[in-house]
């Protein structure tokens, strides 16, 4: 099988940092080769675009990947033009159609600012589309629930759902995928996977990196839109979903959509009591063996302080069904924090009866860590000294490095026509249904925007008055 990949936004940051390195990883697995067609408004011709692709690949893979560089860059084509113009897209599709048999997959990847998505899809609708065309849409999927619905309707008018890929690279991370294996392939976990035995779930993605380099995008997004609405809610869906009939795409997406529908729309009272939003100020964050100084977010070029864009977001959600009633799901993410922490933490209930003297046994905690991928389970055992005293130990394992990485996995799934690493239309809309009340409450000042020093653990909730 050969394939063609049309990248809209081919000279942008997403293409250079993620898509081209991923293509270099997966190209040897595409037996018939891959035709790359880049589309952008940069003043380039095909020769200049080929040199740019080769240069960016060299920055990632070095000289060891020369054969892959030459195969990918040496045959690349370039179309200069407006990505929302049907004539531009038709020219790119025609170039892609020259490769392969006519039945091989042609993929259009929207590596673009999300404000262009709807215009691109409408322009595609005016084109002569190749048989079996697949369209890949990056996050954020719309700006709000109404925008997501419009974009879904536009896509549905052009393509069937099984050829629409709302990709989320979190779903291709090894530990996230291992949630399914851990739950549904081990007798010891699934019987305990409910409010009868679990008291809380934390889904955390803390970063030491700041937002300065992405200020133009980030100041119109913020942590809630950038991370919670898509990535962290998708992880929640894997943790909380009911057992699917199989791992077929339709079965998985149906169960994920079910559990997202069960997430209670958060009230303003609940948000005032449990949610946090913050914005970092000047400070020092860890950097290798030392530390580096980070300026205040509001001092970054292109930032409008009046927007009150949050760089830290924390919300507590409830899943209103039989399995999870009363269990808080805490979703947290932030920039320029003091430690890089990326994990799902399952907190189990206390044992119902304590038979050992002294301090009660610690609660069991299951940690699923992302990047590096690692799993650990805290249990209590008899101590080395007094055999009737307890001590906690961690049963842990490091997971083998994933090859190819998440973006490579995404590309292979798209080429295979496998939508399991993508979100279904209903999932995208439910994500906005959950997050919109939070955005509205925060915008109205129900939850104050708190400062936190870069390098700290994030904002601290004010002590209650009176």
Protein backbone atom coordinates (compact mmCIF):
# COMPACT_ATOMS: atom_id res chain seq x y z
CA UNK A 1 0.00 0.00 0.00
CA UNK A 2 1.20 3.51 -0.85
CA UNK A 3 -0.30 6.72 0.49
CA UNK A 4 -0.43 10.47 -0.05
CA UNK A 5 -0.38 13.06 2.72
CA UNK A 6 -1.45 16.65 2.06
CA UNK A 7 -0.39 18.88 4.96
CA UNK A 8 -2.18 22.21 5.17
CA UNK A 9 0.11 24.49 7.13
CA UNK A 10 3.18 22.64 5.90
CA UNK A 11 5.67 25.32 6.98
CA UNK A 12 4.26 25.73 10.49
CA UNK A 13 5.45 24.72 13.94
CA UNK A 14 3.23 21.63 14.25
CA UNK A 15 4.54 20.23 10.98
CA UNK A 16 8.19 20.90 11.79
CA UNK A 17 8.16 19.76 15.42
CA UNK A 18 5.83 16.77 15.24
CA UNK A 19 4.56 15.66 11.84
CA UNK A 20 7.82 15.52 9.89
CA UNK A 21 9.72 13.60 12.62
CA UNK A 22 6.75 11.22 12.91
CA UNK A 23 6.74 10.69 9.15
CA UNK A 24 10.42 9.84 9.26
CA UNK A 25 9.64 7.20 11.90
CA UNK A 26 6.80 5.52 10.03
CA UNK A 27 7.93 5.86 6.41
CA UNK A 28 9.79 2.49 6.46
CA UNK A 29 6.47 0.81 7.40
CA UNK A 30 4.63 2.18 4.35
CA UNK A 31 5.51 -0.41 1.72
CA UNK A 32 4.59 1.60 -1.37
CA UNK A 33 6.03 4.85 -0.07
CA UNK A 34 4.38 8.14 0.73
CA UNK A 35 3.84 11.23 -1.39
CA UNK A 36 4.06 14.41 0.69
CA UNK A 37 2.28 17.52 -0.59
CA UNK A 38 2.71 20.70 1.42
CA UNK A 39 0.34 23.67 1.25
CA UNK A 40 1.05 27.08 2.78
CA UNK A 41 1.18 30.77 1.89
CA UNK A 42 4.96 31.06 2.29
CA UNK A 43 6.77 32.28 -0.80
CA UNK A 44 8.41 28.94 -1.68
CA UNK A 45 8.62 26.71 -4.70
CA UNK A 46 8.84 22.92 -4.63
CA UNK A 47 12.64 22.94 -4.54
CA UNK A 48 12.77 25.30 -1.56
CA UNK A 49 10.10 23.27 0.25
CA UNK A 50 12.10 20.06 -0.30
CA UNK A 51 15.19 21.70 1.16
CA UNK A 52 13.16 22.91 4.14
CA UNK A 53 11.77 19.42 4.79
CA UNK A 54 15.26 17.91 4.54
CA UNK A 55 16.69 20.52 6.91
CA UNK A 56 14.00 20.01 9.53
CA UNK A 57 14.34 16.23 9.36
CA UNK A 58 18.09 16.57 9.77
CA UNK A 59 17.61 18.59 12.95
CA UNK A 60 15.68 15.68 14.46
CA UNK A 61 17.24 12.51 13.10
CA UNK A 62 20.76 13.60 12.13
CA UNK A 63 22.72 11.98 9.33
CA UNK A 64 21.53 8.51 10.36
CA UNK A 65 18.23 9.12 8.60
CA UNK A 66 19.59 10.24 5.23
CA UNK A 67 17.78 7.53 3.28
CA UNK A 68 14.45 8.46 4.84
CA UNK A 69 15.15 12.17 4.29
CA UNK A 70 15.81 11.63 0.62
CA UNK A 71 12.72 9.47 0.11
CA UNK A 72 10.42 11.90 1.91
CA UNK A 73 11.89 15.26 0.93
CA UNK A 74 13.12 14.28 -2.53
CA UNK A 75 9.62 13.62 -3.87
CA UNK A 76 7.71 16.27 -1.88
CA UNK A 77 5.52 18.72 -3.75
CA UNK A 78 4.48 22.23 -2.74
CA UNK A 79 1.40 24.34 -3.45
CA UNK A 80 1.43 27.99 -2.48
CA UNK A 81 -1.97 29.46 -1.72
CA UNK A 82 -4.89 30.08 0.61
CA UNK A 83 -5.92 26.87 2.38
CA UNK A 84 -9.55 28.02 2.45
CA UNK A 85 -9.60 28.41 -1.35
CA UNK A 86 -11.03 25.45 -3.28
CA UNK A 87 -8.65 25.98 -6.24
CA UNK A 88 -5.62 25.73 -3.93
CA UNK A 89 -6.93 22.53 -2.34
CA UNK A 90 -7.83 21.03 -5.71
CA UNK A 91 -4.29 21.62 -6.96
CA UNK A 92 -2.90 19.82 -3.92
CA UNK A 93 -5.35 16.92 -4.27
CA UNK A 94 -4.47 16.56 -7.94
CA UNK A 95 -0.76 16.30 -7.08
CA UNK A 96 -1.53 13.72 -4.39
CA UNK A 97 -3.69 11.74 -6.82
CA UNK A 98 -0.77 11.14 -9.16
CA UNK A 99 0.77 8.81 -6.57
CA UNK A 100 -0.58 5.30 -6.05
CA UNK A 101 -3.40 3.40 -7.68
CA UNK A 102 -6.33 5.70 -7.03
CA UNK A 103 -7.55 3.37 -4.29
CA UNK A 104 -4.66 4.12 -1.92
CA UNK A 105 -5.42 6.49 0.95
CA UNK A 106 -5.19 10.24 0.46
CA UNK A 107 -5.04 12.12 3.75
CA UNK A 108 -5.55 15.86 4.24
CA UNK A 109 -4.04 16.98 7.55
CA UNK A 110 -5.19 20.35 8.93
CA UNK A 111 -2.02 21.47 10.76
CA UNK A 112 -3.55 24.92 11.08
CA UNK A 113 -4.96 27.41 13.57
CA UNK A 114 -8.40 26.16 14.53
CA UNK A 115 -10.09 29.32 13.25
CA UNK A 116 -9.38 28.11 9.70
CA UNK A 117 -10.87 24.63 10.07
CA UNK A 118 -14.43 25.44 9.03
CA UNK A 119 -13.32 27.41 5.99
CA UNK A 120 -11.05 24.57 4.86
CA UNK A 121 -13.84 21.99 5.19
CA UNK A 122 -16.26 24.13 3.18
CA UNK A 123 -13.58 24.56 0.49
CA UNK A 124 -13.05 20.78 0.38
CA UNK A 125 -16.76 20.39 -0.23
CA UNK A 126 -16.32 22.34 -3.47
CA UNK A 127 -13.49 20.07 -4.70
CA UNK A 128 -13.39 16.82 -6.67
CA UNK A 129 -12.47 14.54 -3.81
CA UNK A 130 -10.51 11.32 -4.30
CA UNK A 131 -12.19 8.08 -3.34
CA UNK A 132 -11.64 7.28 0.31
CA UNK A 133 -10.30 10.72 1.27
CA UNK A 134 -9.51 11.07 4.99
CA UNK A 135 -9.37 14.38 6.84
CA UNK A 136 -7.39 14.93 10.04
CA UNK A 137 -8.36 17.80 12.36
CA UNK A 138 -6.11 18.85 15.23
CA UNK A 139 -7.31 20.32 18.50
CA UNK A 140 -8.87 22.54 19.61
CA UNK A 141 -12.01 21.32 17.83
CA UNK A 142 -13.89 24.60 17.66
CA UNK A 143 -13.92 27.41 20.21
CA UNK A 144 -17.15 26.45 21.97
CA UNK A 145 -20.05 23.99 21.78
CA UNK A 146 -21.80 25.85 18.97
CA UNK A 147 -18.57 26.02 16.97
CA UNK A 148 -17.96 22.29 17.47
CA UNK A 149 -21.47 21.53 16.25
CA UNK A 150 -20.98 23.68 13.15
CA UNK A 151 -17.65 22.05 12.38
CA UNK A 152 -19.11 18.57 12.87
CA UNK A 153 -21.97 19.42 10.51
CA UNK A 154 -19.55 20.77 7.90
CA UNK A 155 -17.41 17.64 8.10
CA UNK A 156 -20.45 15.36 7.91
CA UNK A 157 -21.50 17.09 4.68
CA UNK A 158 -18.15 16.18 3.10
CA UNK A 159 -17.08 12.87 4.68
CA UNK A 160 -18.55 9.94 6.62
CA UNK A 161 -17.65 9.77 10.30
CA UNK A 162 -15.29 6.80 9.83
CA UNK A 163 -13.06 8.92 7.55
CA UNK A 164 -12.96 11.92 9.90
CA UNK A 165 -10.07 11.95 12.39
CA UNK A 166 -10.26 14.41 15.29
CA UNK A 167 -6.85 13.34 16.49
CA UNK A 168 -5.65 13.55 20.05
CA UNK A 169 -2.03 12.49 20.53
CA UNK A 170 -2.78 11.75 24.21
CA UNK A 171 -4.80 8.74 23.05
CA UNK A 172 -1.64 7.37 21.42
CA UNK A 173 0.46 7.61 24.58
CA UNK A 174 1.44 4.21 25.88
CA UNK A 175 0.25 4.68 29.45
CA UNK A 176 -3.12 6.04 28.30
CA UNK A 177 -3.61 3.00 26.08
CA UNK A 178 -2.54 0.80 28.99
CA UNK A 179 -5.54 2.01 30.99
CA UNK A 180 -7.63 -0.24 28.76
CA UNK A 181 -5.36 -3.25 29.18
CA UNK A 182 -5.03 -2.73 32.92
CA UNK A 183 -8.78 -2.54 33.43
CA UNK A 184 -10.17 -5.03 30.97
CA UNK A 185 -7.46 -7.72 30.81
CA UNK A 186 -6.80 -8.17 34.55
CA UNK A 187 -9.31 -9.80 36.90
CA UNK A 188 -7.80 -8.04 39.92
CA UNK A 189 -8.68 -4.47 38.89
CA UNK A 190 -12.05 -4.21 37.15
CA UNK A 191 -14.07 -5.66 40.11
CA UNK A 192 -12.61 -2.84 42.26
CA UNK A 193 -13.10 -0.11 39.63
CA UNK A 194 -16.06 1.77 41.15
CA UNK A 195 -17.16 4.03 43.97
CA UNK A 196 -17.40 0.98 46.25
CA UNK A 197 -13.58 0.86 46.36
CA UNK A 198 -12.26 4.11 44.82
CA UNK A 199 -12.52 7.45 46.61
CA UNK A 200 -10.95 9.78 44.05
CA UNK A 201 -9.16 10.08 40.72
CA UNK A 202 -6.52 12.69 39.85
CA UNK A 203 -5.60 13.37 36.22
CA UNK A 204 -2.56 15.65 36.24
CA UNK A 205 -0.44 17.23 33.53
CA UNK A 206 1.95 19.69 35.20
CA UNK A 207 4.69 21.24 33.06
CA UNK A 208 7.85 23.15 33.89
CA UNK A 209 7.87 24.68 30.40
CA UNK A 210 6.41 28.17 30.14
CA UNK A 211 3.96 29.55 27.58
CA UNK A 212 6.17 32.35 26.23
CA UNK A 213 7.07 30.58 22.99
CA UNK A 214 3.39 29.98 22.15
CA UNK A 215 2.04 33.28 23.44
CA UNK A 216 0.17 34.26 20.27
CA UNK A 217 -1.85 31.04 20.40
CA UNK A 218 -1.94 30.49 24.14
CA UNK A 219 -3.32 33.90 25.07
CA UNK A 220 -6.47 33.11 23.06
CA UNK A 221 -6.76 29.64 24.51
CA UNK A 222 -5.52 29.20 28.07
CA UNK A 223 -4.96 26.03 30.04
CA UNK A 224 -8.62 24.99 30.21
CA UNK A 225 -9.17 25.04 26.44
CA UNK A 226 -5.65 23.88 25.58
CA UNK A 227 -5.51 20.82 27.84
CA UNK A 228 -8.66 20.05 29.83
CA UNK A 229 -11.35 20.27 27.14
CA UNK A 230 -9.69 17.64 24.98
CA UNK A 231 -6.69 15.76 26.39
CA UNK A 232 -7.62 15.37 30.05
CA UNK A 233 -11.30 14.67 29.37
CA UNK A 234 -10.28 11.94 26.93
CA UNK A 235 -8.15 10.37 29.66
CA UNK A 236 -11.12 10.64 32.06
CA UNK A 237 -13.24 8.80 29.51
CA UNK A 238 -10.79 5.88 29.41
CA UNK A 239 -10.61 5.73 33.20
CA UNK A 240 -14.38 5.94 33.79
CA UNK A 241 -15.96 4.24 30.74
CA UNK A 242 -17.99 1.05 30.99
CA UNK A 243 -16.45 -2.12 29.50
CA UNK A 244 -16.82 -2.07 25.70
CA UNK A 245 -18.01 -5.11 23.79
CA UNK A 246 -14.70 -5.04 21.88
CA UNK A 247 -11.88 -2.65 21.03
CA UNK A 248 -13.45 -1.91 17.64
CA UNK A 249 -13.61 1.86 16.94
CA UNK A 250 -17.41 2.06 17.17
CA UNK A 251 -17.51 0.19 20.49
CA UNK A 252 -14.81 2.31 22.11
CA UNK A 253 -16.22 5.63 20.94
CA UNK A 254 -19.72 4.69 22.09
CA UNK A 255 -18.54 3.92 25.63
CA UNK A 256 -16.42 7.09 25.79
CA UNK A 257 -19.32 9.23 24.64
CA UNK A 258 -21.60 7.57 27.24
CA UNK A 259 -19.36 8.44 30.16
CA UNK A 260 -18.78 12.01 28.97
CA UNK A 261 -22.56 12.47 28.77
CA UNK A 262 -22.70 11.31 32.39
CA UNK A 263 -20.32 14.06 33.57
CA UNK A 264 -22.44 16.51 35.52
CA UNK A 265 -22.60 20.05 34.17
CA UNK A 266 -20.67 21.91 36.90
CA UNK A 267 -22.63 24.54 38.80
CA UNK A 268 -21.25 27.95 39.68
CA UNK A 269 -21.42 27.09 43.38
CA UNK A 270 -19.38 23.92 42.85
CA UNK A 271 -16.85 25.76 40.68
CA UNK A 272 -16.42 28.50 43.27
CA UNK A 273 -15.70 25.87 45.93
CA UNK A 274 -13.49 23.42 44.01
CA UNK A 275 -11.94 24.96 40.88
CA UNK A 276 -8.75 27.00 40.63
CA UNK A 277 -7.30 29.20 37.93
CA UNK A 278 -3.97 30.96 38.01
CA UNK A 279 -1.35 32.85 36.03
CA UNK A 280 2.37 32.61 36.68
CA UNK A 281 4.57 35.52 37.67
CA UNK A 282 8.35 35.82 37.48
CA UNK A 283 10.28 33.01 39.10
CA UNK A 284 12.72 30.15 38.59
CA UNK A 285 11.81 26.73 37.22
CA UNK A 286 13.91 23.55 37.19
CA UNK A 287 16.13 23.17 34.12
CA UNK A 288 18.36 20.11 34.09
CA UNK A 289 20.72 20.32 37.07
CA UNK A 290 19.95 23.97 37.71
CA UNK A 291 17.18 26.47 37.21
CA UNK A 292 16.20 29.13 34.70
CA UNK A 293 14.42 32.41 35.22
CA UNK A 294 10.97 32.77 33.68
CA UNK A 295 9.42 36.21 33.26
CA UNK A 296 5.81 36.83 34.19
CA UNK A 297 3.34 35.52 31.65
CA UNK A 298 1.89 38.99 31.14
CA UNK A 299 5.32 40.28 30.06
CA UNK A 300 5.58 37.91 27.09
CA UNK A 301 5.29 39.54 23.64
CA UNK A 302 1.75 39.48 22.30
CA UNK A 303 0.05 38.99 25.67
CA UNK A 304 -2.98 41.09 26.57
CA UNK A 305 -3.20 41.05 30.40
CA UNK A 306 -6.83 42.19 30.22
CA UNK A 307 -7.81 38.80 28.78
CA UNK A 308 -6.89 37.22 32.13
CA UNK A 309 -5.78 34.05 30.35
CA UNK A 310 -5.05 31.29 32.83
CA UNK A 311 -1.82 29.28 32.69
CA UNK A 312 -3.09 26.94 35.43
CA UNK A 313 -6.48 25.21 35.51
CA UNK A 314 -7.97 22.81 38.03
CA UNK A 315 -11.52 21.50 38.03
CA UNK A 316 -13.31 18.76 39.97
CA UNK A 317 -15.91 16.83 37.99
CA UNK A 318 -18.56 14.29 38.96
CA UNK A 319 -19.70 11.34 36.85
CA UNK A 320 -23.38 10.77 37.56
CA UNK A 321 -23.85 7.05 37.07
CA UNK A 322 -24.03 3.89 39.18
CA UNK A 323 -20.33 3.17 38.96
CA UNK A 324 -18.91 6.56 39.95
CA UNK A 325 -21.51 8.31 42.09
CA UNK A 326 -19.75 10.42 44.74
CA UNK A 327 -16.21 10.00 43.34
CA UNK A 328 -14.42 13.30 42.55
CA UNK A 329 -12.38 13.43 39.34
CA UNK A 330 -9.78 16.18 39.75
CA UNK A 331 -8.27 17.44 36.47
CA UNK A 332 -5.26 19.70 36.80
CA UNK A 333 -2.73 21.24 34.41
CA UNK A 334 -0.36 24.18 34.50
CA UNK A 335 2.66 25.86 32.94
CA UNK A 336 5.94 26.96 34.56
CA UNK A 337 5.41 24.79 37.64
CA UNK A 338 8.07 23.51 40.00
CA UNK A 339 7.90 19.87 38.91
CA UNK A 340 7.00 17.95 35.79
CA UNK A 341 4.17 15.66 36.85
CA UNK A 342 2.09 13.76 34.30
CA UNK A 343 0.01 10.97 35.76
CA UNK A 344 -3.33 9.38 36.51
CA UNK A 345 -3.71 8.58 40.21
CA UNK A 346 -6.37 6.20 41.50
CA UNK A 347 -7.03 6.53 45.26
CA UNK A 348 -8.57 3.42 46.84
CA UNK A 349 -10.69 3.40 50.00
CA UNK A 350 -9.41 2.39 53.42
CA UNK A 351 -9.69 -1.22 54.47
CA UNK A 352 -13.05 -1.75 56.24
CA UNK A 353 -11.53 -3.15 59.43
CA UNK A 354 -8.09 -2.50 60.95
CA UNK A 355 -6.51 -5.57 62.56
CA UNK A 356 -3.00 -4.19 63.16
CA UNK A 357 -2.09 -2.03 66.14
CA UNK A 358 -0.46 1.36 65.63
CA UNK A 359 -1.00 3.66 62.71
CA UNK A 360 -3.69 2.52 60.27
CA UNK A 361 -2.48 1.10 56.97
CA UNK A 362 -2.01 3.57 54.15
CA UNK A 363 -4.56 3.58 51.39
CA UNK A 364 -3.64 1.75 48.20
CA UNK A 365 -2.72 4.11 45.37
CA UNK A 366 -2.33 3.19 41.70
CA UNK A 367 -0.20 5.59 39.63
CA UNK A 368 -0.07 5.55 35.85
CA UNK A 369 2.70 7.92 34.83
CA UNK A 370 3.13 9.41 31.36
CA UNK A 371 6.41 10.25 29.69
CA UNK A 372 8.34 8.35 30.89
CA UNK A 373 5.70 5.64 30.99
CA UNK A 374 5.56 3.90 34.34
CA UNK A 375 3.02 2.10 36.52
CA UNK A 376 3.12 1.63 40.29
CA UNK A 377 0.80 0.27 42.97
CA UNK A 378 1.29 1.16 46.64
CA UNK A 379 0.48 -1.72 48.99
CA UNK A 380 1.03 -2.43 52.68
CA UNK A 381 3.25 -5.33 53.80
CA UNK A 382 4.60 -6.60 57.08
CA UNK A 383 7.73 -4.70 58.12
CA UNK A 384 11.28 -5.99 58.35
CA UNK A 385 11.54 -5.29 62.06
CA UNK A 386 8.43 -6.15 64.03
CA UNK A 387 6.56 -8.53 61.72
CA UNK A 388 3.22 -7.15 63.00
CA UNK A 389 4.01 -3.58 62.01
CA UNK A 390 3.14 -2.43 58.51
CA UNK A 391 5.15 -0.54 55.94
CA UNK A 392 4.08 0.65 52.47
CA UNK A 393 5.96 -0.49 49.37
CA UNK A 394 5.52 0.37 45.70
CA UNK A 395 5.18 -2.40 43.17
CA UNK A 396 6.30 -0.67 39.99
CA UNK A 397 7.47 -1.22 36.46
CA UNK A 398 8.88 0.94 33.70
CA UNK A 399 7.22 0.48 30.35
CA UNK A 400 9.34 0.07 27.25
CA UNK A 401 9.79 3.20 25.15
CA UNK A 402 7.03 3.44 22.58
CA UNK A 403 8.12 3.14 18.95
CA UNK A 404 7.00 5.00 16.98
CA UNK A 405 5.99 7.85 19.28
CA UNK A 406 2.44 9.19 19.69
CA UNK A 407 2.36 11.19 16.45
CA UNK A 408 3.79 8.24 14.55
CA UNK A 409 1.06 6.04 16.02
CA UNK A 410 -1.54 8.61 14.96
CA UNK A 411 -0.30 8.73 11.38
CA UNK A 412 -0.25 4.94 11.07
CA UNK A 413 -3.79 4.76 12.46
CA UNK A 414 -5.03 7.33 9.95
CA UNK A 415 -3.37 5.51 7.05
CA UNK A 416 -4.96 2.26 8.27
CA UNK A 417 -8.37 3.93 8.56
CA UNK A 418 -8.43 3.24 12.31
CA UNK A 419 -10.28 5.97 14.27
CA UNK A 420 -9.53 4.61 17.74
CA UNK A 421 -6.91 7.30 18.40
CA UNK A 422 -9.40 10.00 17.47
CA UNK A 423 -12.47 11.53 19.09
CA UNK A 424 -15.97 10.90 17.73
CA UNK A 425 -18.23 13.87 16.93
CA UNK A 426 -20.24 13.31 20.11
CA UNK A 427 -17.10 13.25 22.27
CA UNK A 428 -15.94 16.61 20.92
CA UNK A 429 -19.31 18.20 21.62
CA UNK A 430 -19.59 16.72 25.11
CA UNK A 431 -16.14 18.06 25.95
CA UNK A 432 -17.35 21.58 25.21
CA UNK A 433 -20.65 20.99 27.03
CA UNK A 434 -18.63 20.19 30.17
CA UNK A 435 -16.11 23.03 29.86
CA UNK A 436 -18.32 25.91 28.69
CA UNK A 437 -19.92 26.53 32.14
CA UNK A 438 -16.41 26.66 33.64
CA UNK A 439 -15.28 29.22 31.08
CA UNK A 440 -18.42 31.28 31.69
CA UNK A 441 -18.05 31.23 35.48
CA UNK A 442 -14.37 32.11 35.29
CA UNK A 443 -15.09 34.90 32.80
CA UNK A 444 -17.64 36.36 35.23
CA UNK A 445 -15.15 36.33 38.09
CA UNK A 446 -16.88 33.59 40.09
CA UNK A 447 -13.41 32.09 40.55
CA UNK A 448 -10.64 34.69 40.97
CA UNK A 449 -7.51 34.59 38.81
CA UNK A 450 -4.67 33.94 41.27
CA UNK A 451 -0.99 34.67 40.74
CA UNK A 452 1.58 31.96 41.40
CA UNK A 453 5.37 32.27 41.12
CA UNK A 454 6.96 30.34 38.29
CA UNK A 455 8.61 27.29 39.84
CA UNK A 456 5.98 26.85 42.55
CA UNK A 457 3.26 24.20 42.89
CA UNK A 458 0.63 26.53 41.46
CA UNK A 459 -1.93 28.92 42.95
CA UNK A 460 -3.02 28.56 46.56
CA UNK A 461 -6.72 28.72 47.37
CA UNK A 462 -7.49 31.74 49.59
CA UNK A 463 -8.44 30.98 53.17
CA UNK A 464 -12.19 31.39 53.84
CA UNK A 465 -13.19 34.76 55.30
CA UNK A 466 -14.73 35.09 58.78
